[in-house]
Amino acid sequence: MEVAPDAGSELASALELKGRTVPWGIPALAVLVACAAVGLWFRLHGLAQEGFSDDELHKWLSANRYLQGDFGGDDLEHPMLMKSLIALTLIVGRKLQWAPETITRLPNAIVASVAVILVALLGRRLFGRTAGLFAAAIGAVSVTWIGYQRIAKEDVLVGVFFMVLCLCLAEAKAAADNGENDRARRFEVGGAAALAAMLASKYYPHLIVIPVLAVFWLARTNTAYRVPLRRWLQLIGISLVIWICLNWMAVLPSTWKYIFDYVRGATHGGRATHLTMLFMGRLYPNVFQAGLFGVPPWYFPVFAAVKQTPGVVLFSAAGLVWAIWKRLPSQRLMLTWMAVLFAAGTITGAKYARMFLPVFPAFFLLAGSTAAWLIERARNERLNFASTGLAALLAAVLIGPELLASTSHAPHFRTYISPLGGGDRLVTWYFPHCDYFDAGYREAIEYIAQHAEPGAEISTEIDWTALYYAQRFGRRDLVISMTRPEESCHHGRICYVAIQTGRFYQANQRAVEKLAQRQPWHVVRIRGVDVVKVYRLPPGESPFPSGAEASSR
């Protein structure tokens, strides 16, 4: 692809990050409002239709403690911002009798709806209005983006603040080239604040590298934009002050002791800690220290390929090739964004699909840039009628399949697998831990609570979640244990073993294989797939094979 538009065209100006952005205009604003409304509905509707995951339960418990003045406990490996937002939502939600799952997920869902607007603004700045509208429309209905934005994990906030940072960087460069130095400095402060908010959402130190690399790479283009050392120090100071205000627990030594212990493998607050993960049908070590020998480097590229509809994948791939080839200023910002996040995800041995959220919008923007380039070419050939028809065709190719997938997969959006990846039948093969995120587990515990004998035992991979739902369903008498050889079904009681499709690990592998040979007592299904199987064992029987059984296998 070559930049065919006239030098003075909106696309060419956006690619160079020159001047101010062109106003939307009434028709474009109407499209943008529609995208925002559709995106809001998909992200807010039926937030409680899936039960808590183990991670989300700890956010809920932390928020309740915050309102009691207790900022310690577990989950200190994550900063305060998201838990503080949940605590504020809890003040309102409990008065209105909202479900705990809704209260816990609502802050992310609202922020994620704002992300649709941010994608449009960033797309307009980098590639022009047409690209911005296409990117926003794709993001509004993106089945996987919606699915992972509806969960209570910090990566949702990181992704939103990251877009604000990129927008501020782009606007600062454009303002400096236009001689608007005061405006450039204001955007620099905005970028520093966005970076602080990101780090107050999640401890991702590699994010600090992105604005530095982007500014230095942009300086190698035909631009007057420079950030002297003194200004860097000022911005670092501003960011540090904002970060401490949003995450003041970070100044306490006890917080860092907790984090260091957690990284070394300590179990805090009943956290379900597992050292392996199932990816593409195979178990891999899933710990940071494993590096390239942990979950393999192709985890996130595979995720990008199979969790988006084919049209978005192909158009974003074309936009990426164009960006690598031309390396114009807006494309350099995009490439820095993607390269650092993919590199960071590659070298760590621990990977989760939600970590992809900060880079997801880049694919919408790249797909939008390809669509904008094609439409611009048609207009340059003075084929205005053809360009209108082409825009409609591109919308059908890029937006229609994502909308159809979101409509058909709701509320279990994360279970989508592209036809390029073999379709939904492979959902339990690719990323079952992340895609299910303990969906169906609440229903399994509810069934056990309704039918289990007094004082029965539940053996599980997520013991605090089992305890929470057992008590919520009125069964405080049930005993909870982890599915481990030394602990599971050792209490001399009827034992209900809950096996989740998304939680198959080396630690429970022998139990899963043994129980698979018998008929489950109860099964929870999502979209026709068995996601939780419950086995009823008599007193004294272990789900793990005995020594003789194990040696015969």
Protein backbone atom coordinates (compact mmCIF):
# COMPACT_ATOMS: atom_id res chain seq x y z
CA MET A 1 0.00 0.00 0.00
CA GLU A 2 1.17 3.52 -0.77
CA VAL A 3 -0.14 6.79 0.53
CA ALA A 4 -2.15 7.82 -2.47
CA PRO A 5 -4.14 10.76 -1.05
CA ASP A 6 -3.19 14.31 -1.91
CA ALA A 7 -0.61 15.89 0.35
CA GLY A 8 -3.26 18.17 1.80
CA SER A 9 -5.83 15.43 2.45
CA GLU A 10 -7.08 14.59 5.92
CA LEU A 11 -5.48 11.14 5.86
CA ALA A 12 -2.08 12.48 4.82
CA SER A 13 -2.20 15.18 7.49
CA ALA A 14 -3.20 12.65 10.15
CA LEU A 15 -0.41 10.27 9.18
CA GLU A 16 2.11 13.08 9.65
CA LEU A 17 0.47 14.18 12.94
CA LYS A 18 0.22 17.71 11.59
CA GLY A 19 -2.18 20.46 12.67
CA ARG A 20 -5.43 20.04 14.55
CA THR A 21 -7.92 17.31 13.82
CA VAL A 22 -10.83 18.00 11.51
CA PRO A 23 -14.17 18.42 13.36
CA TRP A 24 -16.46 15.43 13.18
CA GLY A 25 -19.45 17.04 11.53
CA ILE A 26 -23.09 16.17 12.21
CA PRO A 27 -23.29 12.86 10.26
CA ALA A 28 -20.07 11.54 11.83
CA LEU A 29 -21.20 12.61 15.31
CA ALA A 30 -24.46 10.73 14.79
CA VAL A 31 -22.51 7.58 13.88
CA LEU A 32 -20.24 8.07 16.89
CA VAL A 33 -23.19 8.47 19.27
CA ALA A 34 -24.73 5.29 17.86
CA CYS A 35 -21.44 3.42 18.38
CA ALA A 36 -21.22 4.66 21.96
CA ALA A 37 -24.81 3.65 22.69
CA VAL A 38 -24.40 0.16 21.22
CA GLY A 39 -21.10 -0.29 23.03
CA LEU A 40 -22.63 0.80 26.32
CA TRP A 41 -25.53 -1.64 25.97
CA PHE A 42 -23.31 -4.63 25.21
CA ARG A 43 -21.01 -3.86 28.14
CA LEU A 44 -23.70 -3.18 30.75
CA HIS A 45 -26.45 -5.63 29.86
CA GLY A 46 -26.66 -8.70 32.10
CA LEU A 47 -23.42 -8.14 34.04
CA ALA A 48 -24.51 -10.62 36.71
CA GLN A 49 -25.38 -13.43 34.31
CA GLU A 50 -21.97 -14.98 34.97
CA GLY A 51 -20.85 -15.76 38.50
CA PHE A 52 -17.71 -14.47 40.16
CA SER A 53 -14.36 -15.76 39.06
CA ASP A 54 -11.81 -16.38 41.79
CA ASP A 55 -10.00 -13.12 40.94
CA GLU A 56 -13.21 -11.10 40.93
CA LEU A 57 -14.27 -12.44 44.31
CA HIS A 58 -11.09 -11.05 45.84
CA LYS A 59 -11.88 -7.64 44.32
CA TRP A 60 -15.34 -7.80 45.89
CA LEU A 61 -13.94 -8.71 49.29
CA SER A 62 -11.29 -5.97 49.07
CA ALA A 63 -13.90 -3.33 48.20
CA ASN A 64 -15.98 -4.34 51.21
CA ARG A 65 -12.91 -4.03 53.42
CA TYR A 66 -12.12 -0.60 51.97
CA LEU A 67 -15.48 0.70 53.18
CA GLN A 68 -14.63 -0.56 56.66
CA GLY A 69 -11.31 1.31 56.64
CA ASP A 70 -9.25 -1.85 56.10
CA PHE A 71 -6.88 -1.42 53.14
CA GLY A 72 -4.80 -4.50 53.83
CA GLY A 73 -5.76 -8.13 53.50
CA ASP A 74 -5.14 -9.97 50.24
CA ASP A 75 -4.88 -8.72 46.63
CA LEU A 76 -2.12 -6.24 47.48
CA GLU A 77 -0.23 -7.36 44.38
CA HIS A 78 -2.67 -5.08 42.54
CA PRO A 79 -2.84 -1.28 43.07
CA MET A 80 -5.78 0.52 44.65
CA LEU A 81 -7.56 2.32 41.82
CA MET A 82 -9.92 -0.38 40.58
CA LYS A 83 -10.78 -1.62 44.06
CA SER A 84 -11.49 1.98 45.10
CA LEU A 85 -13.90 2.39 42.16
CA ILE A 86 -15.66 -0.84 43.14
CA ALA A 87 -15.94 0.40 46.74
CA LEU A 88 -17.56 3.64 45.54
CA THR A 89 -19.97 1.65 43.35
CA LEU A 90 -20.76 -0.55 46.35
CA ILE A 91 -22.00 2.47 48.33
CA VAL A 92 -24.69 3.07 45.70
CA GLY A 93 -25.24 -0.51 44.59
CA ARG A 94 -26.10 -1.97 47.97
CA LYS A 95 -28.76 0.70 48.51
CA LEU A 96 -30.29 -0.22 45.15
CA GLN A 97 -29.85 -3.95 45.89
CA TRP A 98 -27.70 -4.65 42.85
CA ALA A 99 -26.13 -8.08 42.59
CA PRO A 100 -22.56 -8.28 43.94
CA GLU A 101 -21.34 -9.37 40.49
CA THR A 102 -22.89 -6.27 38.91
CA ILE A 103 -21.38 -3.94 41.51
CA THR A 104 -17.93 -5.44 41.07
CA ARG A 105 -17.95 -5.29 37.25
CA LEU A 106 -19.82 -2.03 36.74
CA PRO A 107 -16.84 0.38 37.00
CA ASN A 108 -14.94 -1.51 34.30
CA ALA A 109 -18.02 -1.79 32.10
CA ILE A 110 -18.62 1.97 32.25
CA VAL A 111 -14.97 2.83 31.62
CA ALA A 112 -14.94 0.31 28.76
CA SER A 113 -17.90 2.10 27.18
CA VAL A 114 -15.89 5.34 27.27
CA ALA A 115 -13.11 3.42 25.52
CA VAL A 116 -15.25 3.31 22.36
CA ILE A 117 -15.14 7.11 22.21
CA LEU A 118 -11.42 7.13 22.91
CA VAL A 119 -10.81 4.74 20.01
CA ALA A 120 -12.66 7.17 17.74
CA LEU A 121 -10.67 10.18 18.99
CA LEU A 122 -7.36 8.36 18.69
CA GLY A 123 -8.28 7.02 15.26
CA ARG A 124 -9.19 10.51 14.03
CA ARG A 125 -5.87 11.88 15.31
CA LEU A 126 -3.75 9.10 13.80
CA PHE A 127 -5.59 8.25 10.55
CA GLY A 128 -8.47 10.70 10.08
CA ARG A 129 -12.19 10.70 10.78
CA THR A 130 -13.06 7.75 8.54
CA ALA A 131 -10.56 5.49 10.29
CA GLY A 132 -11.73 6.75 13.69
CA LEU A 133 -15.34 5.90 12.96
CA PHE A 134 -14.48 2.45 11.61
CA ALA A 135 -12.28 1.72 14.63
CA ALA A 136 -14.98 2.89 17.05
CA ALA A 137 -17.67 0.85 15.31
CA ILE A 138 -15.51 -2.29 15.39
CA GLY A 139 -14.63 -1.72 19.04
CA ALA A 140 -18.24 -1.09 20.01
CA VAL A 141 -19.30 -4.56 18.88
CA SER A 142 -16.03 -6.53 19.11
CA VAL A 143 -17.10 -9.80 20.70
CA THR A 144 -13.83 -10.54 22.49
CA TRP A 145 -13.11 -6.96 23.54
CA ILE A 146 -16.58 -6.75 25.08
CA GLY A 147 -16.18 -10.10 26.81
CA TYR A 148 -12.90 -9.19 28.48
CA GLN A 149 -14.03 -5.65 29.33
CA ARG A 150 -16.98 -7.00 31.33
CA ILE A 151 -14.78 -8.69 33.93
CA ALA A 152 -13.36 -7.06 37.05
CA LYS A 153 -9.68 -7.10 36.12
CA GLU A 154 -7.26 -4.18 36.10
CA ASP A 155 -6.24 -4.66 32.47
CA VAL A 156 -9.48 -2.96 31.40
CA LEU A 157 -8.42 0.29 33.07
CA VAL A 158 -4.86 -0.07 31.80
CA GLY A 159 -6.13 -0.28 28.23
CA VAL A 160 -8.29 2.83 28.56
CA PHE A 161 -5.60 4.98 30.19
CA PHE A 162 -3.11 3.73 27.62
CA MET A 163 -5.24 5.15 24.81
CA VAL A 164 -5.38 8.47 26.66
CA LEU A 165 -1.57 8.42 26.88
CA CYS A 166 -1.21 7.74 23.14
CA LEU A 167 -3.73 10.46 22.28
CA CYS A 168 -1.83 12.97 24.44
CA LEU A 169 1.48 12.02 22.83
CA ALA A 170 0.06 12.46 19.34
CA GLU A 171 -1.60 15.78 20.16
CA ALA A 172 1.55 17.10 21.85
CA LYS A 173 3.60 16.35 18.74
CA ALA A 174 1.02 17.94 16.45
CA ALA A 175 0.74 21.04 18.65
CA ALA A 176 4.52 21.50 18.80
CA ASP A 177 4.79 21.31 15.02
CA ASN A 178 2.03 23.91 14.79
CA GLY A 179 3.92 26.27 17.07
CA GLU A 180 1.44 25.78 19.94
CA ASN A 181 3.98 25.03 22.64
CA ASP A 182 1.68 25.75 25.58
CA ARG A 183 -0.87 23.35 24.16
CA ALA A 184 1.83 20.74 23.68
CA ARG A 185 2.88 21.07 27.30
CA ARG A 186 -0.71 20.63 28.48
CA PHE A 187 -0.97 17.40 26.54
CA GLU A 188 2.35 16.26 28.01
CA VAL A 189 0.91 16.74 31.50
CA GLY A 190 -2.18 14.80 30.39
CA GLY A 191 0.06 11.98 29.21
CA ALA A 192 1.92 11.96 32.53
CA ALA A 193 -1.41 11.74 34.37
CA ALA A 194 -2.57 8.90 32.13
CA LEU A 195 0.66 6.98 32.78
CA ALA A 196 0.20 7.47 36.52
CA ALA A 197 -3.37 6.19 36.31
CA MET A 198 -2.19 3.13 34.36
CA LEU A 199 0.38 2.28 37.01
CA ALA A 200 -2.22 2.92 39.72
CA SER A 201 -4.34 0.30 37.96
CA LYS A 202 -1.67 -2.38 37.57
CA TYR A 203 2.03 -2.71 38.29
CA TYR A 204 3.26 -2.86 34.69
CA PRO A 205 6.68 -1.15 34.78
CA HIS A 206 7.31 -1.76 31.08
CA LEU A 207 4.61 0.78 30.25
CA ILE A 208 7.01 3.53 31.31
CA VAL A 209 9.17 2.69 28.29
CA ILE A 210 6.48 3.40 25.70
CA PRO A 211 6.24 7.23 25.88
CA VAL A 212 10.04 7.51 25.98
CA LEU A 213 10.55 5.31 22.92
CA ALA A 214 7.68 6.97 21.06
CA VAL A 215 8.98 10.51 21.63
CA PHE A 216 12.53 9.61 20.60
CA TRP A 217 11.36 7.76 17.48
CA LEU A 218 9.02 10.60 16.52
CA ALA A 219 11.95 13.01 16.90
CA ARG A 220 13.64 11.21 13.99
CA THR A 221 10.88 12.39 11.63
CA ASN A 222 10.43 15.85 10.16
CA THR A 223 9.21 17.42 13.38
CA ALA A 224 10.05 20.23 15.75
CA TYR A 225 8.82 18.22 18.74
CA ARG A 226 11.48 17.63 21.38
CA VAL A 227 11.30 16.85 25.08
CA PRO A 228 14.44 18.07 26.88
CA LEU A 229 15.78 16.29 29.95
CA ARG A 230 14.49 18.93 32.34
CA ARG A 231 10.98 18.51 30.95
CA TRP A 232 11.24 14.73 31.30
CA LEU A 233 12.12 15.16 34.98
CA GLN A 234 9.17 17.50 35.49
CA LEU A 235 6.78 15.03 33.87
CA ILE A 236 8.18 12.17 35.94
CA GLY A 237 7.57 14.20 39.09
CA ILE A 238 3.98 15.01 38.06
CA SER A 239 3.30 11.37 37.25
CA LEU A 240 4.81 10.19 40.54
CA VAL A 241 2.69 12.57 42.62
CA ILE A 242 -0.52 11.52 40.84
CA TRP A 243 0.40 7.84 41.17
CA ILE A 244 0.93 8.12 44.93
CA CYS A 245 -2.36 10.02 45.33
CA LEU A 246 -4.22 7.25 43.50
CA ASN A 247 -2.26 4.40 45.08
CA TRP A 248 -0.96 5.60 48.45
CA MET A 249 -0.68 2.03 49.78
CA ALA A 250 2.43 1.76 47.59
CA VAL A 251 4.42 3.85 50.09
CA LEU A 252 3.94 1.24 52.84
CA PRO A 253 6.74 -1.35 53.24
CA SER A 254 4.14 -4.01 54.09
CA THR A 255 2.67 -3.70 50.59
CA TRP A 256 5.99 -4.42 48.90
CA LYS A 257 6.77 -7.27 51.27
CA TYR A 258 3.41 -8.80 50.31
CA ILE A 259 4.17 -8.34 46.59
CA PHE A 260 7.64 -9.85 46.82
CA ASP A 261 6.30 -12.82 48.78
CA TYR A 262 3.52 -13.25 46.21
CA VAL A 263 5.97 -13.22 43.30
CA ARG A 264 8.02 -15.89 45.07
CA GLY A 265 4.93 -18.12 45.18
CA ALA A 266 3.33 -17.40 48.56
CA THR A 267 -0.42 -17.96 48.79
CA HIS A 268 -2.21 -14.97 50.28
CA GLY A 269 -5.81 -14.74 51.40
CA GLY A 270 -6.92 -18.04 49.93
CA ARG A 271 -5.81 -17.06 46.43
CA ALA A 272 -6.04 -19.94 44.00
CA THR A 273 -2.44 -20.15 42.77
CA HIS A 274 -1.53 -22.47 39.93
CA LEU A 275 1.80 -23.02 38.27
CA THR A 276 0.56 -24.35 34.94
CA MET A 277 -1.93 -23.34 32.24
CA LEU A 278 -3.70 -25.17 29.43
CA PHE A 279 -3.06 -23.57 26.04
CA MET A 280 -3.85 -25.21 22.71
CA GLY A 281 -4.47 -28.53 24.42
CA ARG A 282 -1.18 -28.64 26.29
CA LEU A 283 -0.10 -27.75 29.82
CA TYR A 284 2.70 -25.20 30.16
CA PRO A 285 4.47 -23.69 33.18
CA ASN A 286 2.71 -20.40 33.90
CA VAL A 287 5.09 -18.49 36.13
CA PHE A 288 6.93 -15.25 35.36
CA GLN A 289 10.35 -16.76 36.08
CA ALA A 290 9.92 -19.42 33.35
CA GLY A 291 10.48 -16.81 30.62
CA LEU A 292 10.47 -18.30 27.14
CA PHE A 293 10.14 -21.77 28.66
CA GLY A 294 6.74 -20.95 30.15
CA VAL A 295 3.56 -20.33 28.18
CA PRO A 296 4.99 -19.99 24.64
CA PRO A 297 5.66 -16.67 22.87
CA TRP A 298 2.95 -17.30 20.26
CA TYR A 299 0.19 -17.15 22.92
CA PHE A 300 -0.81 -13.54 22.16
CA PRO A 301 -0.37 -13.70 18.35
CA VAL A 302 -2.65 -16.75 18.35
CA PHE A 303 -5.11 -14.89 20.54
CA ALA A 304 -5.15 -11.96 18.11
CA ALA A 305 -5.74 -14.30 15.17
CA VAL A 306 -8.53 -16.48 16.56
CA LYS A 307 -10.44 -14.13 18.87
CA GLN A 308 -11.37 -11.56 16.21
CA THR A 309 -13.53 -12.04 13.17
CA PRO A 310 -11.67 -12.79 9.91
CA GLY A 311 -12.31 -9.40 8.32
CA VAL A 312 -10.81 -7.49 11.25
CA VAL A 313 -7.80 -9.82 11.35
CA LEU A 314 -7.09 -9.42 7.62
CA PHE A 315 -7.59 -5.65 7.53
CA SER A 316 -5.53 -5.06 10.66
CA ALA A 317 -2.76 -7.25 9.20
CA ALA A 318 -2.79 -5.10 6.04
CA GLY A 319 -2.64 -1.96 8.18
CA LEU A 320 0.29 -3.39 10.13
CA VAL A 321 2.21 -4.18 6.94
CA TRP A 322 1.55 -0.65 5.69
CA ALA A 323 2.72 0.81 9.03
CA ILE A 324 5.94 -1.21 9.08
CA TRP A 325 6.66 -0.28 5.46
CA LYS A 326 5.99 3.48 5.59
CA ARG A 327 6.69 4.23 9.30
CA LEU A 328 5.03 7.64 9.15
CA PRO A 329 4.69 9.49 12.48
CA SER A 330 1.24 8.16 13.44
CA GLN A 331 2.32 4.66 12.43
CA ARG A 332 5.48 4.95 14.53
CA LEU A 333 3.34 5.62 17.58
CA MET A 334 1.24 2.56 16.79
CA LEU A 335 4.29 0.36 16.21
CA THR A 336 5.89 1.46 19.49
CA TRP A 337 2.64 0.71 21.30
CA MET A 338 2.36 -2.78 19.85
CA ALA A 339 6.05 -3.70 19.91
CA VAL A 340 6.58 -2.97 23.61
CA LEU A 341 3.41 -4.72 24.72
CA PHE A 342 4.05 -7.79 22.58
CA ALA A 343 7.70 -7.92 23.65
CA ALA A 344 6.74 -7.72 27.31
CA GLY A 345 4.17 -10.45 26.84
CA THR A 346 6.68 -12.63 25.03
CA ILE A 347 9.49 -12.64 27.58
CA THR A 348 7.33 -13.38 30.61
CA GLY A 349 6.50 -17.02 31.27
CA ALA A 350 3.11 -16.15 32.79
CA LYS A 351 0.43 -15.14 30.31
CA TYR A 352 -3.30 -14.47 30.57
CA ALA A 353 -5.62 -13.41 27.77
CA ARG A 354 -6.80 -10.32 29.67
CA MET A 355 -3.25 -8.94 29.35
CA PHE A 356 -4.07 -8.44 25.66
CA LEU A 357 -6.62 -5.70 26.44
CA PRO A 358 -4.19 -2.74 26.28
CA VAL A 359 -3.12 -3.67 22.73
CA PHE A 360 -6.56 -4.69 21.42
CA PRO A 361 -7.56 -1.19 20.18
CA ALA A 362 -4.45 -1.08 18.00
CA PHE A 363 -5.98 -3.77 15.81
CA PHE A 364 -9.20 -1.78 15.41
CA LEU A 365 -7.18 1.30 14.47
CA LEU A 366 -5.07 -0.60 11.96
CA ALA A 367 -8.18 -2.12 10.38
CA GLY A 368 -9.76 1.35 10.31
CA SER A 369 -6.65 2.80 8.66
CA THR A 370 -6.85 0.19 5.89
CA ALA A 371 -10.52 0.96 5.32
CA ALA A 372 -9.82 4.71 5.27
CA TRP A 373 -7.00 4.22 2.75
CA LEU A 374 -9.26 2.23 0.39
CA ILE A 375 -12.04 4.80 0.60
CA GLU A 376 -9.53 7.63 0.07
CA ARG A 377 -8.23 5.90 -3.05
CA ALA A 378 -11.75 5.65 -4.44
CA ARG A 379 -12.35 9.35 -3.79
CA ASN A 380 -9.04 10.31 -5.41
CA GLU A 381 -10.19 8.51 -8.53
CA ARG A 382 -13.26 10.79 -8.36
CA LEU A 383 -15.48 7.78 -7.80
CA ASN A 384 -17.62 9.36 -5.08
CA PHE A 385 -20.52 7.00 -5.66
CA ALA A 386 -18.15 4.06 -5.61
CA SER A 387 -16.50 5.31 -2.42
CA THR A 388 -19.90 5.43 -0.68
CA GLY A 389 -20.70 1.91 -1.76
CA LEU A 390 -17.21 0.77 -0.76
CA ALA A 391 -17.67 2.28 2.70
CA ALA A 392 -20.91 0.36 3.13
CA LEU A 393 -19.26 -2.85 1.90
CA LEU A 394 -16.31 -2.41 4.28
CA ALA A 395 -18.69 -1.77 7.16
CA ALA A 396 -20.48 -5.01 6.34
CA VAL A 397 -17.20 -6.93 6.22
CA LEU A 398 -15.62 -5.44 9.35
CA ILE A 399 -18.52 -4.61 11.64
CA GLY A 400 -21.28 -7.02 10.65
CA PRO A 401 -19.55 -10.28 11.68
CA GLU A 402 -18.43 -8.82 15.02
CA LEU A 403 -21.96 -7.61 15.72
CA LEU A 404 -23.39 -11.01 14.82
CA ALA A 405 -20.83 -12.79 17.01
CA SER A 406 -21.55 -10.51 19.98
CA THR A 407 -25.29 -10.94 19.62
CA SER A 408 -25.09 -14.73 19.36
CA HIS A 409 -22.52 -15.24 22.14
CA ALA A 410 -23.92 -12.89 24.79
CA PRO A 411 -23.50 -13.03 27.75
CA HIS A 412 -20.61 -15.48 27.26
CA PHE A 413 -18.79 -13.25 24.76
CA ARG A 414 -15.37 -14.73 25.51
CA THR A 415 -16.33 -18.14 24.13
CA TYR A 416 -16.04 -16.90 20.52
CA ILE A 417 -13.44 -18.57 18.31
CA SER A 418 -12.99 -17.33 14.73
CA PRO A 419 -13.59 -19.65 11.77
CA LEU A 420 -9.92 -18.97 10.99
CA GLY A 421 -9.10 -20.77 14.24
CA GLY A 422 -11.52 -23.65 13.78
CA GLY A 423 -14.67 -22.11 15.25
CA ASP A 424 -16.35 -22.34 18.65
CA ARG A 425 -15.92 -26.09 18.85
CA LEU A 426 -12.30 -25.43 19.88
CA VAL A 427 -13.11 -23.02 22.71
CA THR A 428 -11.94 -25.57 25.31
CA TRP A 429 -8.68 -26.11 23.40
CA TYR A 430 -7.25 -22.61 22.98
CA PHE A 431 -7.66 -20.54 26.16
CA PRO A 432 -10.17 -22.31 28.45
CA HIS A 433 -8.83 -20.82 31.68
CA CYS A 434 -9.26 -17.24 30.46
CA ASP A 435 -12.24 -17.62 28.16
CA TYR A 436 -14.43 -19.27 30.78
CA PHE A 437 -13.01 -17.30 33.74
CA ASP A 438 -14.99 -19.58 36.11
CA ALA A 439 -18.29 -19.07 34.25
CA GLY A 440 -20.78 -21.74 35.29
CA TYR A 441 -19.14 -22.31 38.68
CA ARG A 442 -21.76 -20.32 40.61
CA GLU A 443 -24.49 -22.50 39.13
CA ALA A 444 -22.58 -25.65 40.07
CA ILE A 445 -22.25 -24.57 43.71
CA GLU A 446 -25.90 -23.56 43.79
CA TYR A 447 -26.92 -27.06 42.66
CA ILE A 448 -24.67 -28.67 45.26
CA ALA A 449 -26.12 -26.39 47.94
CA GLN A 450 -29.63 -27.46 47.01
CA HIS A 451 -28.91 -31.20 47.02
CA ALA A 452 -25.88 -31.98 49.19
CA GLU A 453 -26.18 -33.82 52.49
CA PRO A 454 -25.61 -31.87 55.74
CA GLY A 455 -21.90 -31.33 56.41
CA ALA A 456 -20.82 -32.56 52.96
CA GLU A 457 -17.51 -31.55 51.43
CA ILE A 458 -16.79 -29.65 48.21
CA SER A 459 -13.38 -30.26 46.66
CA THR A 460 -12.44 -27.57 44.16
CA GLU A 461 -9.72 -25.46 42.55
CA ILE A 462 -11.17 -22.16 43.83
CA ASP A 463 -11.95 -22.70 47.48
CA TRP A 464 -12.83 -19.13 48.50
CA THR A 465 -15.29 -18.81 45.63
CA ALA A 466 -16.87 -22.12 46.65
CA LEU A 467 -17.10 -20.93 50.27
CA TYR A 468 -18.61 -17.60 49.25
CA TYR A 469 -21.33 -19.11 47.07
CA ALA A 470 -22.06 -21.97 49.48
CA GLN A 471 -22.73 -19.41 52.20
CA ARG A 472 -24.67 -17.16 49.85
CA PHE A 473 -26.94 -20.10 49.02
CA GLY A 474 -27.48 -20.84 52.71
CA ARG A 475 -25.06 -23.75 53.22
CA ARG A 476 -22.61 -22.70 55.91
CA ASP A 477 -22.32 -26.35 56.95
CA LEU A 478 -20.42 -27.40 53.83
CA VAL A 479 -16.68 -28.08 54.15
CA ILE A 480 -14.42 -26.73 51.39
CA SER A 481 -11.11 -28.27 50.33
CA MET A 482 -8.67 -27.92 47.45
CA THR A 483 -8.36 -30.71 44.89
CA ARG A 484 -4.94 -31.85 46.02
CA PRO A 485 -3.81 -35.38 46.97
CA GLU A 486 -3.07 -34.39 50.56
CA GLU A 487 -6.32 -32.47 51.11
CA SER A 488 -9.17 -33.52 48.81
CA CYS A 489 -11.99 -35.63 50.32
CA HIS A 490 -10.05 -36.40 53.51
CA HIS A 491 -12.77 -35.44 55.97
CA GLY A 492 -14.75 -38.68 56.02
CA ARG A 493 -17.83 -37.09 54.43
CA ILE A 494 -19.75 -37.28 51.18
CA CYS A 495 -17.45 -35.35 48.84
CA TYR A 496 -18.50 -33.36 45.79
CA VAL A 497 -15.57 -32.77 43.44
CA ALA A 498 -16.08 -29.82 41.05
CA ILE A 499 -13.98 -30.15 37.90
CA GLN A 500 -13.88 -27.04 35.69
CA THR A 501 -12.96 -27.17 32.01
CA GLY A 502 -10.96 -23.97 32.42
CA ARG A 503 -9.00 -25.17 35.46
CA PHE A 504 -7.04 -28.19 34.33
CA TYR A 505 -3.58 -28.15 35.90
CA GLN A 506 -0.67 -30.40 36.58
CA ALA A 507 -1.70 -30.39 40.25
CA ASN A 508 -5.14 -31.90 39.57
CA GLN A 509 -4.38 -33.81 36.35
CA ARG A 510 -4.51 -37.29 37.89
CA ALA A 511 -7.83 -36.59 39.60
CA VAL A 512 -9.37 -35.19 36.41
CA GLU A 513 -8.26 -38.21 34.41
CA LYS A 514 -9.55 -40.67 37.00
CA LEU A 515 -12.95 -38.98 37.38
CA ALA A 516 -13.39 -38.70 33.61
CA GLN A 517 -13.93 -42.47 33.56
CA ARG A 518 -17.19 -42.21 35.51
CA GLN A 519 -20.53 -40.48 35.02
CA PRO A 520 -20.71 -37.01 36.62
CA TRP A 521 -23.36 -36.39 39.26
CA HIS A 522 -24.16 -32.97 37.78
CA VAL A 523 -23.01 -31.00 34.72
CA VAL A 524 -23.19 -27.27 33.98
CA ARG A 525 -23.14 -26.43 30.27
CA ILE A 526 -22.52 -23.17 28.44
CA ARG A 527 -23.43 -23.03 24.74
CA GLY A 528 -23.60 -26.82 24.69
CA VAL A 529 -20.14 -27.33 26.24
CA ASP A 530 -19.58 -29.04 29.60
CA VAL A 531 -17.81 -26.38 31.69
CA VAL A 532 -18.25 -27.77 35.23
CA LYS A 533 -18.64 -31.44 36.09
CA VAL A 534 -19.49 -32.40 39.66
CA TYR A 535 -18.68 -35.91 40.90
CA ARG A 536 -20.20 -37.35 44.07
CA LEU A 537 -17.77 -39.53 46.02
CA PRO A 538 -18.67 -41.65 49.07
CA PRO A 539 -16.88 -41.03 52.38
CA GLY A 540 -13.26 -42.13 52.28
CA GLU A 541 -12.83 -42.20 48.49
CA SER A 542 -10.19 -39.91 47.01
CA PRO A 543 -10.52 -38.37 43.56
CA PHE A 544 -6.84 -39.17 43.05
CA PRO A 545 -5.78 -42.68 42.06
CA SER A 546 -4.25 -44.82 44.79
CA GLY A 547 -0.62 -45.90 44.57
CA ALA A 548 -1.58 -49.14 42.83
CA GLU A 549 -3.90 -47.36 40.40
CA ALA A 550 -1.31 -44.72 39.60
CA SER A 551 1.45 -47.25 38.94
CA SER A 552 -0.79 -49.25 36.60
CA ARG A 553 -1.48 -46.28 34.35
